[in-house]
Amino acid sequence: MEDYEQLLEKAYKSIKVVDTSSERFEIPKVKGIISGKNTIITNIIDIANKIRRPVENIIKFLQKELAAAAKLDNDRLVFNTKLNSGRVNEKLELYVKEFVLCNECKKPDTEITSEKGIKFKHCLACGAKSPIKRKF
């Protein structure tokens, strides 16, 4: 049988770490260029890492909201149309509000869970659980 120290270490490894720093959460602004008729977002992977969501979900959401086809080319997101960076940033902020920030405490320490086909935002900081109304 395992001793107390081993069980405690095992429990700590299975717990998700919540960032307790008091610094303000900021969404990175998109960096990109317009090349011909295409808009290329060069920091989409950095944005996905910062908000801790799969890049595929972000791309799918942006495609739907901006009504533009896009593909991931290496670490760049290429839209098949010219887009204003302000508009892309606005839609990215909407994504963060809908799928990342907790509805109760407004912290970004959330995870997406699914129960009986319904997706929920579960906050690791305050424990709140709220349904996600949009699809991504």
Protein backbone atom coordinates (compact mmCIF):
# COMPACT_ATOMS: atom_id res chain seq x y z
CA MET A 1 0.00 0.00 0.00
CA GLU A 2 1.21 3.51 -0.82
CA ASP A 3 2.20 5.79 2.00
CA TYR A 4 0.71 9.21 2.61
CA GLU A 5 3.54 11.13 0.89
CA GLN A 6 3.15 9.16 -2.35
CA LEU A 7 -0.63 9.57 -2.36
CA LEU A 8 -0.29 13.31 -1.73
CA GLU A 9 2.22 13.68 -4.57
CA LYS A 10 -0.10 11.72 -6.89
CA ALA A 11 -3.03 13.99 -5.95
CA TYR A 12 -1.01 17.17 -6.61
CA LYS A 13 -0.04 15.89 -10.06
CA SER A 14 -3.68 15.35 -11.03
CA ILE A 15 -4.83 18.85 -9.99
CA LYS A 16 -4.98 21.56 -12.64
CA VAL A 17 -2.94 24.60 -11.71
CA VAL A 18 -4.75 27.94 -11.56
CA ASP A 19 -2.77 31.12 -12.07
CA THR A 20 -3.23 33.15 -8.90
CA SER A 21 -1.36 36.21 -10.05
CA SER A 22 -3.26 39.45 -9.90
CA GLU A 23 -2.01 40.79 -13.22
CA ARG A 24 -4.71 41.67 -15.70
CA PHE A 25 -5.52 39.21 -18.47
CA GLU A 26 -4.99 40.72 -21.90
CA ILE A 27 -5.86 39.22 -25.24
CA PRO A 28 -2.92 39.50 -27.64
CA LYS A 29 -3.65 41.68 -30.66
CA VAL A 30 -3.42 39.99 -34.04
CA LYS A 31 -0.31 40.63 -36.09
CA GLY A 32 -0.67 40.20 -39.77
CA ILE A 33 -0.18 41.40 -43.28
CA ILE A 34 -2.27 41.70 -46.41
CA SER A 35 -0.74 39.89 -49.34
CA GLY A 36 -2.68 40.39 -52.56
CA LYS A 37 -6.23 39.31 -51.79
CA ASN A 38 -5.25 37.34 -48.67
CA THR A 39 -4.95 38.37 -45.03
CA ILE A 40 -2.26 36.51 -43.11
CA ILE A 41 -2.36 36.37 -39.29
CA THR A 42 1.14 35.50 -38.14
CA ASN A 43 0.60 35.07 -34.38
CA ILE A 44 -2.47 32.81 -34.22
CA ILE A 45 -0.56 30.05 -32.38
CA ASP A 46 0.64 32.54 -29.74
CA ILE A 47 -2.93 33.76 -29.27
CA ALA A 48 -4.24 30.20 -28.88
CA ASN A 49 -1.53 29.42 -26.32
CA LYS A 50 -2.25 32.61 -24.35
CA ILE A 51 -5.99 31.95 -24.09
CA ARG A 52 -5.45 28.19 -23.70
CA ARG A 53 -7.84 27.01 -26.38
CA PRO A 54 -7.23 24.77 -29.42
CA VAL A 55 -6.25 26.80 -32.47
CA GLU A 56 -8.76 24.81 -34.56
CA ASN A 57 -11.67 26.12 -32.43
CA ILE A 58 -10.48 29.71 -32.78
CA ILE A 59 -10.11 29.37 -36.55
CA LYS A 60 -13.56 27.81 -36.90
CA PHE A 61 -15.12 30.63 -34.86
CA LEU A 62 -13.31 33.36 -36.81
CA GLN A 63 -14.30 31.82 -40.14
CA LYS A 64 -17.94 31.80 -39.12
CA GLU A 65 -17.96 35.29 -37.61
CA LEU A 66 -15.97 36.94 -40.41
CA ALA A 67 -17.71 34.97 -43.17
CA ALA A 68 -14.36 34.19 -44.75
CA ALA A 69 -12.63 30.95 -45.64
CA ALA A 70 -9.30 30.36 -43.92
CA LYS A 71 -6.64 27.71 -43.54
CA LEU A 72 -3.73 27.12 -41.22
CA ASP A 73 -0.47 27.26 -43.17
CA ASN A 74 2.47 26.31 -40.94
CA ASP A 75 1.96 28.66 -37.96
CA ARG A 76 0.03 31.29 -39.91
CA LEU A 77 -3.67 31.71 -40.49
CA VAL A 78 -4.47 32.68 -44.08
CA PHE A 79 -7.87 34.21 -44.87
CA ASN A 80 -8.97 34.26 -48.51
CA THR A 81 -10.05 37.90 -48.33
CA LYS A 82 -8.77 41.28 -47.17
CA LEU A 83 -9.67 41.92 -43.53
CA ASN A 84 -9.21 44.86 -41.21
CA SER A 85 -7.16 43.92 -38.12
CA GLY A 86 -9.58 45.86 -35.91
CA ARG A 87 -12.44 43.65 -37.06
CA VAL A 88 -10.43 40.46 -36.44
CA ASN A 89 -9.47 41.71 -32.95
CA GLU A 90 -13.12 42.49 -32.22
CA LYS A 91 -14.17 38.95 -33.15
CA LEU A 92 -11.30 37.50 -31.11
CA GLU A 93 -12.50 39.47 -28.07
CA LEU A 94 -15.99 38.05 -28.64
CA TYR A 95 -14.52 34.52 -28.72
CA VAL A 96 -12.70 35.13 -25.42
CA LYS A 97 -15.85 36.52 -23.81
CA GLU A 98 -17.98 33.57 -24.96
CA PHE A 99 -15.54 30.67 -24.54
CA VAL A 100 -12.75 31.69 -22.16
CA LEU A 101 -13.70 34.22 -19.46
CA CYS A 102 -15.74 33.03 -16.48
CA ASN A 103 -19.21 34.57 -16.35
CA GLU A 104 -18.97 35.00 -12.56
CA CYS A 105 -15.42 36.04 -11.63
CA LYS A 106 -14.24 37.14 -15.15
CA LYS A 107 -10.99 35.14 -14.87
CA PRO A 108 -9.60 33.22 -17.86
CA ASP A 109 -8.98 30.06 -15.82
CA THR A 110 -11.69 27.98 -17.46
CA GLU A 111 -12.01 24.71 -19.29
CA ILE A 112 -14.67 23.48 -21.70
CA THR A 113 -16.52 20.39 -20.53
CA SER A 114 -19.36 18.47 -22.14
CA GLU A 115 -22.24 16.76 -20.37
CA LYS A 116 -25.03 15.02 -22.27
CA GLY A 117 -24.15 16.91 -25.45
CA ILE A 118 -24.21 20.33 -23.77
CA LYS A 119 -20.95 22.27 -23.54
CA PHE A 120 -20.12 24.12 -20.33
CA LYS A 121 -17.47 26.59 -19.25
CA HIS A 122 -16.11 25.36 -15.92
CA CYS A 123 -14.08 27.89 -13.94
CA LEU A 124 -11.10 26.45 -12.12
CA ALA A 125 -10.75 29.59 -9.98
CA CYS A 126 -14.24 29.99 -8.50
CA GLY A 127 -15.92 26.71 -9.48
CA ALA A 128 -18.74 28.32 -11.48
CA LYS A 129 -20.23 26.35 -14.34
CA SER A 130 -22.19 28.00 -17.13
CA PRO A 131 -23.54 26.65 -20.42
CA ILE A 132 -22.06 27.86 -23.69
CA LYS A 133 -24.82 29.20 -25.90
CA ARG A 134 -22.86 29.39 -29.18
CA LYS A 135 -21.28 26.65 -31.21
CA PHE A 136 -17.75 26.91 -32.41
